[in-house]
Amino acid sequence: MKRLWTNWLIAVGFLREGRSQTLMIIGGVAIGVAVIVFISALIQGLQSNLIERTLGTQAHISLHAPDEVNRVVRVPEGVAHIIHEDQRAQRLKSINNWQEVLENLDNIKTLNAVSPMVSGPALVKRGEAIQSVAIMGIDLPRYQRIVPLQEYLKAGQLRLKADDVLIGSELAKDLGVRVGSKIRVDNGQDINAVMNVTGIFELGVKELDSRYMYIDLKRAQSLLGLPGGVTIIDLRISDIFSADQVATQIHRLTGLKAESWIESNAQLMNAISAQSLSTNMIIIFVGISVAFAIASVLSITVVQRTREIGILRATGASREQILMIFLIQGAIFGLLGSIVGILTSYALVWSFNEFGPGLFYIPISPYLIGSALLLATLSGLIAAAIPARRAARLDPVEAIRHV
């Protein structure tokens, strides 16, 4: 313990004597760490914002009835035949035994929310205005756990009785309606109804705000000609990035077609993967730059302190002690530089959150801070290894003669 303390004092003494070099290298490490922490936090904040905006308006997993396929008539053996097959048109159909499926899904602990829905196309009319829409028949208490409609409500109230309807802000603008207005909904097959607009929502996606309209599940079933049926079962899970695996498990369990948000947002996932890759590349190259900077300064220190190293060796210092002195210097460079860099990154993040464009908030996780601190300190130790070995190998007699 005493020897370690002695090594520490000698290392600190060397750093104090070369104060200008010490401050410059600590500043260089600090800049590298600040870049790593700020860029990583920025990318993480951006990705979280993108995912939140995407998943805020859709389910993590959606279950549909299996696609209908053509059945090929068997022919006798030995008879050659040519098949020219067109894909079968998919009609609006209900999930078989969906109540039983819903009950089974409610008992799966990995699922946070399960909500049945009947969805289909329709026309909405008001005066001379006609718009094509997507009817979303929902069980409101259940669906609120999938998409929190209350948070997106722009006007009116969140209520879905028999003749109530919630419509998007763009659709309300196109039809010229407001809360309390009447609209006529027609499914195109001689089934129509006059409905009362009780609320106007804004999901933040123009396509959805101009087409979606939410009505009560039973009312939607009658409007779409599917009495007692549902076409979709929406699911929500805790670990959003395991959606593909959970979807596969649910498909095997129920036999239904399971589509995860990752599958339906492939371009978004590609963008997130590219961002993560670029962030990792920045971290690697900045870390290498920091390591080379520390190694170069300590190499110069070995040359400058050759005489002192020789005296230490002549007075009984072992090779291991000399090695430890320079490793301690490398660790100090990394540790102090990372602390200054972390404080600088906090200032940068605070400035972005307070005075930036305000598009999203940048959080700094304790894990990111700990990783940056550990990375910089290890980089300092690794970078100091080669100069430290060189110093430890110096012959004391030759070192003392060095001028």
Protein backbone atom coordinates (compact mmCIF):
# COMPACT_ATOMS: atom_id res chain seq x y z
CA MET A 1 0.00 0.00 0.00
CA LYS A 2 2.88 2.36 0.91
CA ARG A 3 4.64 1.57 -2.38
CA LEU A 4 1.45 2.33 -4.33
CA TRP A 5 1.14 5.68 -2.54
CA THR A 6 4.78 6.46 -3.39
CA ASN A 7 4.18 5.60 -7.03
CA TRP A 8 1.14 7.88 -7.01
CA LEU A 9 3.12 10.82 -5.56
CA ILE A 10 5.91 10.41 -8.11
CA ALA A 11 3.40 10.22 -10.99
CA VAL A 12 1.60 13.35 -9.79
CA GLY A 13 4.98 15.09 -9.39
CA PHE A 14 5.91 14.36 -12.99
CA LEU A 15 2.56 15.75 -14.14
CA ARG A 16 2.98 18.91 -12.12
CA GLU A 17 6.43 19.59 -13.53
CA GLY A 18 5.11 19.30 -17.08
CA ARG A 19 2.02 21.36 -16.25
CA SER A 20 1.45 22.79 -19.74
CA GLN A 21 1.63 19.34 -21.36
CA THR A 22 -0.64 17.93 -18.67
CA LEU A 23 -3.30 20.60 -19.16
CA MET A 24 -3.19 20.25 -22.94
CA ILE A 25 -3.63 16.49 -22.91
CA ILE A 26 -6.40 16.67 -20.28
CA GLY A 27 -8.10 19.26 -22.49
CA GLY A 28 -7.75 16.98 -25.50
CA VAL A 29 -9.25 14.03 -23.61
CA ALA A 30 -12.05 16.29 -22.32
CA ILE A 31 -12.95 17.37 -25.87
CA GLY A 32 -13.01 13.75 -27.02
CA VAL A 33 -15.22 12.64 -24.12
CA ALA A 34 -17.54 15.64 -24.57
CA VAL A 35 -17.97 14.74 -28.26
CA ILE A 36 -18.67 11.10 -27.42
CA VAL A 37 -21.23 11.88 -24.70
CA PHE A 38 -23.00 14.69 -26.56
CA ILE A 39 -23.23 12.86 -29.91
CA SER A 40 -24.36 9.63 -28.22
CA ALA A 41 -27.00 11.47 -26.17
CA LEU A 42 -28.14 13.41 -29.24
CA ILE A 43 -28.58 10.24 -31.34
CA GLN A 44 -30.32 8.43 -28.48
CA GLY A 45 -32.70 11.35 -27.99
CA LEU A 46 -33.43 11.49 -31.71
CA GLN A 47 -34.08 7.75 -31.90
CA SER A 48 -36.30 7.79 -28.81
CA ASN A 49 -38.28 10.68 -30.29
CA LEU A 50 -38.72 8.88 -33.63
CA ILE A 51 -39.81 5.65 -31.97
CA GLU A 52 -42.14 7.47 -29.57
CA ARG A 53 -43.79 9.36 -32.42
CA THR A 54 -44.13 6.17 -34.45
CA LEU A 55 -45.38 3.89 -31.67
CA GLY A 56 -47.53 6.58 -30.11
CA THR A 57 -50.06 6.09 -32.90
CA GLN A 58 -49.88 2.35 -33.53
CA ALA A 59 -49.72 -1.02 -31.83
CA HIS A 60 -46.49 -2.90 -31.23
CA ILE A 61 -47.98 -6.04 -32.79
CA SER A 62 -51.14 -6.46 -34.88
CA LEU A 63 -52.89 -9.80 -35.41
CA HIS A 64 -54.93 -10.44 -38.57
CA ALA A 65 -56.83 -13.38 -39.97
CA PRO A 66 -54.66 -15.55 -42.27
CA ASP A 67 -54.72 -14.60 -45.96
CA GLU A 68 -57.05 -16.54 -48.20
CA VAL A 69 -55.23 -18.64 -50.79
CA ASN A 70 -56.30 -20.45 -53.94
CA ARG A 71 -56.84 -24.19 -53.81
CA VAL A 72 -55.44 -26.14 -56.73
CA VAL A 73 -57.54 -29.08 -57.94
CA ARG A 74 -55.68 -32.37 -57.80
CA VAL A 75 -55.05 -34.16 -61.09
CA PRO A 76 -54.37 -37.84 -61.67
CA GLU A 77 -50.76 -38.99 -61.41
CA GLY A 78 -48.83 -38.90 -64.65
CA VAL A 79 -50.90 -36.04 -66.04
CA ALA A 80 -48.91 -32.87 -66.71
CA HIS A 81 -50.68 -29.57 -66.16
CA ILE A 82 -49.71 -25.91 -66.26
CA ILE A 83 -50.95 -23.54 -63.59
CA HIS A 84 -51.35 -19.82 -64.14
CA GLU A 85 -52.39 -18.47 -60.77
CA ASP A 86 -53.55 -14.98 -59.81
CA GLN A 87 -53.38 -14.03 -56.16
CA ARG A 88 -56.76 -14.27 -54.49
CA ALA A 89 -58.43 -10.97 -53.59
CA GLN A 90 -58.63 -10.51 -49.82
CA ARG A 91 -62.12 -9.73 -48.53
CA LEU A 92 -62.90 -8.05 -45.23
CA LYS A 93 -63.29 -10.91 -42.79
CA SER A 94 -63.36 -11.51 -39.07
CA ILE A 95 -60.85 -13.41 -36.96
CA ASN A 96 -62.34 -16.79 -36.08
CA ASN A 97 -63.12 -17.32 -32.38
CA TRP A 98 -61.61 -13.94 -31.55
CA GLN A 99 -63.22 -13.85 -28.09
CA GLU A 100 -61.37 -17.04 -27.12
CA VAL A 101 -58.14 -15.72 -28.64
CA LEU A 102 -58.58 -12.46 -26.71
CA GLU A 103 -59.06 -14.34 -23.44
CA ASN A 104 -55.91 -16.39 -24.02
CA LEU A 105 -53.86 -13.32 -24.90
CA ASP A 106 -55.05 -11.53 -21.75
CA ASN A 107 -53.35 -14.27 -19.72
CA ILE A 108 -49.92 -13.80 -21.34
CA LYS A 109 -47.76 -11.81 -18.92
CA THR A 110 -45.44 -10.39 -21.61
CA LEU A 111 -48.38 -8.51 -23.17
CA ASN A 112 -49.18 -5.18 -21.52
CA ALA A 113 -52.37 -4.51 -23.49
CA VAL A 114 -54.71 -6.39 -25.84
CA SER A 115 -57.40 -4.60 -27.84
CA PRO A 116 -59.84 -5.92 -30.50
CA MET A 117 -60.72 -3.72 -33.47
CA VAL A 118 -62.82 -3.88 -36.58
CA SER A 119 -61.43 -1.79 -39.40
CA GLY A 120 -62.54 -1.19 -42.96
CA PRO A 121 -63.02 1.44 -45.68
CA ALA A 122 -65.98 3.76 -45.97
CA LEU A 123 -67.14 7.08 -47.39
CA VAL A 124 -68.03 10.04 -45.21
CA LYS A 125 -70.32 12.76 -46.57
CA ARG A 126 -71.28 16.24 -45.44
CA GLY A 127 -73.14 18.38 -47.93
CA GLU A 128 -71.28 18.14 -51.23
CA ALA A 129 -68.02 17.03 -49.57
CA ILE A 130 -67.14 13.34 -49.84
CA GLN A 131 -64.00 11.75 -48.36
CA SER A 132 -62.76 8.15 -48.22
CA VAL A 133 -61.94 7.13 -44.67
CA ALA A 134 -60.84 4.18 -42.58
CA ILE A 135 -63.37 3.21 -39.94
CA MET A 136 -61.68 2.10 -36.70
CA GLY A 137 -64.20 0.38 -34.45
CA ILE A 138 -62.66 0.12 -30.99
CA ASP A 139 -63.33 -0.87 -27.41
CA LEU A 140 -62.30 2.53 -26.01
CA PRO A 141 -61.04 1.46 -22.53
CA ARG A 142 -58.89 -1.28 -24.07
CA TYR A 143 -57.69 0.81 -27.02
CA GLN A 144 -56.61 3.62 -24.70
CA ARG A 145 -53.88 1.27 -23.44
CA ILE A 146 -52.64 0.84 -27.03
CA VAL A 147 -52.89 4.45 -28.24
CA PRO A 148 -53.59 7.11 -25.57
CA LEU A 149 -56.19 9.04 -27.58
CA GLN A 150 -56.77 11.44 -24.69
CA GLU A 151 -53.28 12.87 -25.25
CA TYR A 152 -54.05 13.57 -28.92
CA LEU A 153 -57.54 15.05 -28.42
CA LYS A 154 -57.59 18.58 -29.86
CA ALA A 155 -61.23 19.48 -29.29
CA GLY A 156 -64.36 17.95 -27.78
CA GLN A 157 -64.40 14.97 -25.45
CA LEU A 158 -63.27 11.37 -25.60
CA ARG A 159 -66.65 9.64 -25.83
CA LEU A 160 -67.88 6.84 -28.06
CA LYS A 161 -71.53 5.97 -27.66
CA ALA A 162 -73.68 4.38 -30.35
CA ASP A 163 -73.72 7.31 -32.80
CA ASP A 164 -70.56 9.11 -31.67
CA VAL A 165 -67.44 9.49 -33.81
CA LEU A 166 -63.92 10.86 -33.29
CA ILE A 167 -62.28 12.23 -36.43
CA GLY A 168 -58.84 13.53 -37.37
CA SER A 169 -58.08 17.24 -37.60
CA GLU A 170 -57.28 17.12 -41.34
CA LEU A 171 -60.51 15.25 -42.06
CA ALA A 172 -62.48 17.78 -40.00
CA LYS A 173 -60.89 20.59 -42.01
CA ASP A 174 -61.69 18.90 -45.35
CA LEU A 175 -65.32 18.31 -44.36
CA GLY A 176 -65.72 21.69 -42.66
CA VAL A 177 -67.01 20.18 -39.42
CA ARG A 178 -66.44 20.86 -35.74
CA VAL A 179 -67.50 19.25 -32.46
CA GLY A 180 -71.26 18.72 -32.53
CA SER A 181 -71.55 18.52 -36.34
CA LYS A 182 -73.37 15.67 -38.10
CA ILE A 183 -71.78 13.51 -40.82
CA ARG A 184 -73.06 10.59 -42.85
CA VAL A 185 -70.97 7.41 -43.02
CA ASP A 186 -71.56 4.99 -45.91
CA ASN A 187 -69.80 1.64 -46.32
CA GLY A 188 -70.59 1.52 -50.07
CA GLN A 189 -72.91 -1.48 -49.66
CA ASP A 190 -76.19 0.26 -48.82
CA ILE A 191 -75.34 0.50 -45.11
CA ASN A 192 -75.07 4.06 -43.79
CA ALA A 193 -75.57 6.04 -40.62
CA VAL A 194 -75.67 9.65 -39.46
CA MET A 195 -73.13 10.20 -36.70
CA ASN A 196 -72.31 12.98 -34.24
CA VAL A 197 -68.73 14.36 -34.05
CA THR A 198 -67.87 14.31 -30.33
CA GLY A 199 -64.13 14.89 -30.62
CA ILE A 200 -61.34 15.92 -33.00
CA PHE A 201 -57.87 14.40 -32.56
CA GLU A 202 -54.46 15.16 -34.04
CA LEU A 203 -52.05 12.23 -34.14
CA GLY A 204 -49.34 14.28 -35.85
CA VAL A 205 -49.32 12.14 -39.02
CA LYS A 206 -51.18 13.82 -41.85
CA GLU A 207 -52.23 10.57 -43.52
CA LEU A 208 -53.83 9.35 -40.28
CA ASP A 209 -55.39 12.69 -39.38
CA SER A 210 -57.05 12.87 -42.80
CA ARG A 211 -58.41 9.30 -42.90
CA TYR A 212 -58.93 7.82 -39.43
CA MET A 213 -62.26 7.96 -37.67
CA TYR A 214 -62.92 6.12 -34.42
CA ILE A 215 -66.36 4.76 -33.54
CA ASP A 216 -67.74 2.25 -31.07
CA LEU A 217 -66.82 -1.38 -31.78
CA LYS A 218 -70.41 -2.68 -32.05
CA ARG A 219 -71.48 0.24 -34.24
CA ALA A 220 -68.52 -0.37 -36.57
CA GLN A 221 -69.38 -4.06 -36.80
CA SER A 222 -72.85 -3.27 -38.12
CA LEU A 223 -71.60 -0.52 -40.46
CA LEU A 224 -68.98 -2.82 -42.04
CA GLY A 225 -71.31 -5.80 -42.28
CA LEU A 226 -69.36 -7.88 -39.73
CA PRO A 227 -71.81 -8.36 -36.85
CA GLY A 228 -69.94 -9.72 -33.83
CA GLY A 229 -66.60 -9.84 -35.68
CA VAL A 230 -63.22 -8.12 -35.40
CA THR A 231 -60.54 -7.82 -38.08
CA ILE A 232 -57.51 -6.86 -35.94
CA ILE A 233 -56.24 -7.56 -32.44
CA ASP A 234 -53.68 -5.00 -31.31
CA LEU A 235 -50.98 -5.84 -28.77
CA ARG A 236 -48.58 -3.77 -26.69
CA ILE A 237 -45.40 -5.14 -25.06
CA SER A 238 -42.72 -3.87 -22.66
CA ASP A 239 -39.59 -4.48 -24.74
CA ILE A 240 -40.43 -2.87 -28.07
CA PHE A 241 -37.30 -4.20 -29.78
CA SER A 242 -38.34 -7.81 -29.09
CA ALA A 243 -41.55 -7.29 -31.12
CA ASP A 244 -40.42 -9.62 -33.92
CA GLN A 245 -39.71 -12.50 -31.53
CA VAL A 246 -42.98 -11.99 -29.63
CA ALA A 247 -44.90 -11.77 -32.92
CA THR A 248 -43.44 -15.11 -34.00
CA GLN A 249 -44.45 -16.70 -30.69
CA ILE A 250 -47.99 -15.29 -30.91
CA HIS A 251 -48.30 -16.56 -34.50
CA ARG A 252 -47.34 -20.06 -33.39
CA LEU A 253 -49.77 -19.88 -30.49
CA THR A 254 -52.81 -18.54 -32.35
CA GLY A 255 -52.17 -19.34 -36.03
CA LEU A 256 -53.00 -15.72 -36.88
CA LYS A 257 -50.88 -13.47 -39.09
CA ALA A 258 -48.76 -11.38 -36.68
CA GLU A 259 -47.11 -8.17 -37.90
CA SER A 260 -44.73 -6.28 -35.60
CA TRP A 261 -44.03 -2.55 -35.74
CA ILE A 262 -40.45 -3.38 -36.77
CA GLU A 263 -41.73 -5.18 -39.86
CA SER A 264 -44.18 -2.43 -40.79
CA ASN A 265 -41.58 0.31 -40.24
CA ALA A 266 -38.58 -1.28 -41.95
CA GLN A 267 -37.25 2.05 -43.25
CA LEU A 268 -37.32 3.55 -39.76
CA MET A 269 -35.36 0.60 -38.36
CA ASN A 270 -32.80 0.90 -41.17
CA ALA A 271 -32.37 4.58 -40.32
CA ILE A 272 -31.95 3.79 -36.61
CA SER A 273 -29.38 1.07 -37.39
CA ALA A 274 -27.44 3.47 -39.62
CA GLN A 275 -27.47 6.14 -36.89
CA SER A 276 -26.26 3.64 -34.28
CA LEU A 277 -23.48 2.47 -36.59
CA SER A 278 -22.31 6.03 -37.27
CA THR A 279 -22.35 6.80 -33.52
CA ASN A 280 -20.25 3.71 -32.76
CA MET A 281 -17.76 4.69 -35.48
CA ILE A 282 -17.45 8.19 -34.00
CA ILE A 283 -16.85 6.73 -30.53
CA ILE A 284 -14.19 4.32 -31.83
CA PHE A 285 -12.24 6.92 -33.79
CA VAL A 286 -12.44 9.55 -31.04
CA GLY A 287 -11.27 6.93 -28.53
CA ILE A 288 -8.33 5.99 -30.77
CA SER A 289 -7.41 9.67 -31.15
CA VAL A 290 -7.47 10.16 -27.38
CA ALA A 291 -5.32 7.06 -26.86
CA PHE A 292 -2.71 8.21 -29.42
CA ALA A 293 -2.58 11.67 -27.84
CA ILE A 294 -1.93 10.23 -24.37
CA ALA A 295 0.65 7.78 -25.73
CA SER A 296 2.54 10.53 -27.59
CA VAL A 297 2.71 12.81 -24.51
CA LEU A 298 3.90 9.98 -22.26
CA SER A 299 6.50 8.93 -24.85
CA ILE A 300 7.88 12.48 -24.76
CA THR A 301 7.78 12.35 -20.96
CA VAL A 302 9.92 9.20 -20.98
CA VAL A 303 12.56 11.02 -23.02
CA GLN A 304 12.38 14.12 -20.84
CA ARG A 305 12.49 12.15 -17.59
CA THR A 306 15.18 9.67 -18.58
CA ARG A 307 17.64 11.00 -15.99
CA GLU A 308 15.00 10.98 -13.21
CA ILE A 309 13.98 7.46 -14.16
CA GLY A 310 17.63 6.36 -13.97
CA ILE A 311 17.98 7.90 -10.49
CA LEU A 312 14.82 6.14 -9.33
CA ARG A 313 16.14 2.83 -10.66
CA ALA A 314 19.52 3.40 -9.01
CA THR A 315 17.90 4.12 -5.64
CA GLY A 316 16.06 0.80 -5.65
CA ALA A 317 12.91 1.35 -7.70
CA SER A 318 11.94 -1.82 -9.53
CA ARG A 319 10.85 -2.12 -13.14
CA GLU A 320 7.32 -2.77 -11.89
CA GLN A 321 7.31 0.52 -9.96
CA ILE A 322 8.46 2.51 -13.00
CA LEU A 323 5.80 0.75 -15.07
CA MET A 324 3.16 1.57 -12.46
CA ILE A 325 4.18 5.28 -12.32
CA PHE A 326 3.50 5.78 -16.04
CA LEU A 327 0.31 3.70 -15.96
CA ILE A 328 -0.94 5.92 -13.14
CA GLN A 329 -0.19 8.98 -15.28
CA GLY A 330 -2.19 7.51 -18.15
CA ALA A 331 -5.11 6.73 -15.83
CA ILE A 332 -5.00 10.28 -14.42
CA PHE A 333 -5.08 11.75 -17.93
CA GLY A 334 -8.09 9.62 -18.80
CA LEU A 335 -9.94 10.15 -15.51
CA LEU A 336 -9.48 13.92 -15.21
CA GLY A 337 -10.10 14.44 -18.93
CA SER A 338 -13.31 12.39 -18.79
CA ILE A 339 -14.62 14.32 -15.76
CA VAL A 340 -14.03 17.66 -17.50
CA GLY A 341 -15.50 16.26 -20.73
CA ILE A 342 -18.62 14.99 -18.95
CA LEU A 343 -19.19 18.38 -17.32
CA THR A 344 -18.74 20.01 -20.74
CA SER A 345 -21.22 17.59 -22.33
CA TYR A 346 -23.78 18.43 -19.62
CA ALA A 347 -23.38 22.09 -20.52
CA LEU A 348 -23.83 21.32 -24.23
CA VAL A 349 -26.93 19.19 -23.62
CA TRP A 350 -28.44 21.83 -21.32
CA SER A 351 -27.84 24.51 -23.98
CA PHE A 352 -29.48 22.31 -26.65
CA ASN A 353 -32.52 21.57 -24.48
CA GLU A 354 -32.93 25.20 -23.40
CA PHE A 355 -32.04 27.13 -26.54
CA GLY A 356 -32.21 24.53 -29.32
CA PRO A 357 -34.99 24.05 -31.89
CA GLY A 358 -37.13 22.23 -29.30
CA LEU A 359 -37.94 19.32 -31.61
CA PHE A 360 -36.99 16.78 -28.96
CA TYR A 361 -35.37 16.52 -25.53
CA ILE A 362 -31.88 15.07 -25.04
CA PRO A 363 -31.53 12.89 -21.93
CA ILE A 364 -28.15 11.81 -20.52
CA SER A 365 -28.32 8.37 -18.98
CA PRO A 366 -26.07 7.35 -16.05
CA TYR A 367 -25.02 4.35 -18.16
CA LEU A 368 -23.67 6.68 -20.86
CA ILE A 369 -21.74 8.73 -18.27
CA GLY A 370 -20.28 5.60 -16.66
CA SER A 371 -19.33 4.15 -20.05
CA ALA A 372 -17.57 7.37 -21.12
CA LEU A 373 -15.68 7.55 -17.81
CA LEU A 374 -14.58 3.92 -18.06
CA LEU A 375 -13.67 4.21 -21.76
CA ALA A 376 -11.48 7.29 -21.21
CA THR A 377 -9.72 5.81 -18.16
CA LEU A 378 -9.05 2.48 -19.91
CA SER A 379 -7.84 4.35 -23.00
CA GLY A 380 -5.40 6.23 -20.77
CA LEU A 381 -4.12 3.00 -19.22
CA ILE A 382 -3.77 1.22 -22.56
CA ALA A 383 -2.12 4.22 -24.20
CA ALA A 384 0.37 4.45 -21.32
CA ALA A 385 1.38 0.79 -21.61
CA ILE A 386 3.98 1.18 -24.39
CA PRO A 387 5.74 4.28 -22.96
CA ALA A 388 5.60 2.65 -19.50
CA ARG A 389 7.33 -0.51 -20.73
CA ARG A 390 9.96 1.58 -22.47
CA ALA A 391 10.64 3.52 -19.26
CA ALA A 392 10.80 0.32 -17.19
CA ARG A 393 13.41 -1.17 -19.54
CA LEU A 394 15.82 1.78 -19.23
CA ASP A 395 19.25 0.83 -17.86
CA PRO A 396 19.86 2.98 -14.76
CA VAL A 397 23.53 3.68 -15.59
CA GLU A 398 22.81 4.74 -19.14
CA ALA A 399 19.80 6.75 -17.99
CA ILE A 400 21.83 8.74 -15.43
CA ARG A 401 24.42 9.57 -18.07
CA HIS A 402 21.65 10.88 -20.32
CA VAL A 403 21.72 14.66 -20.74
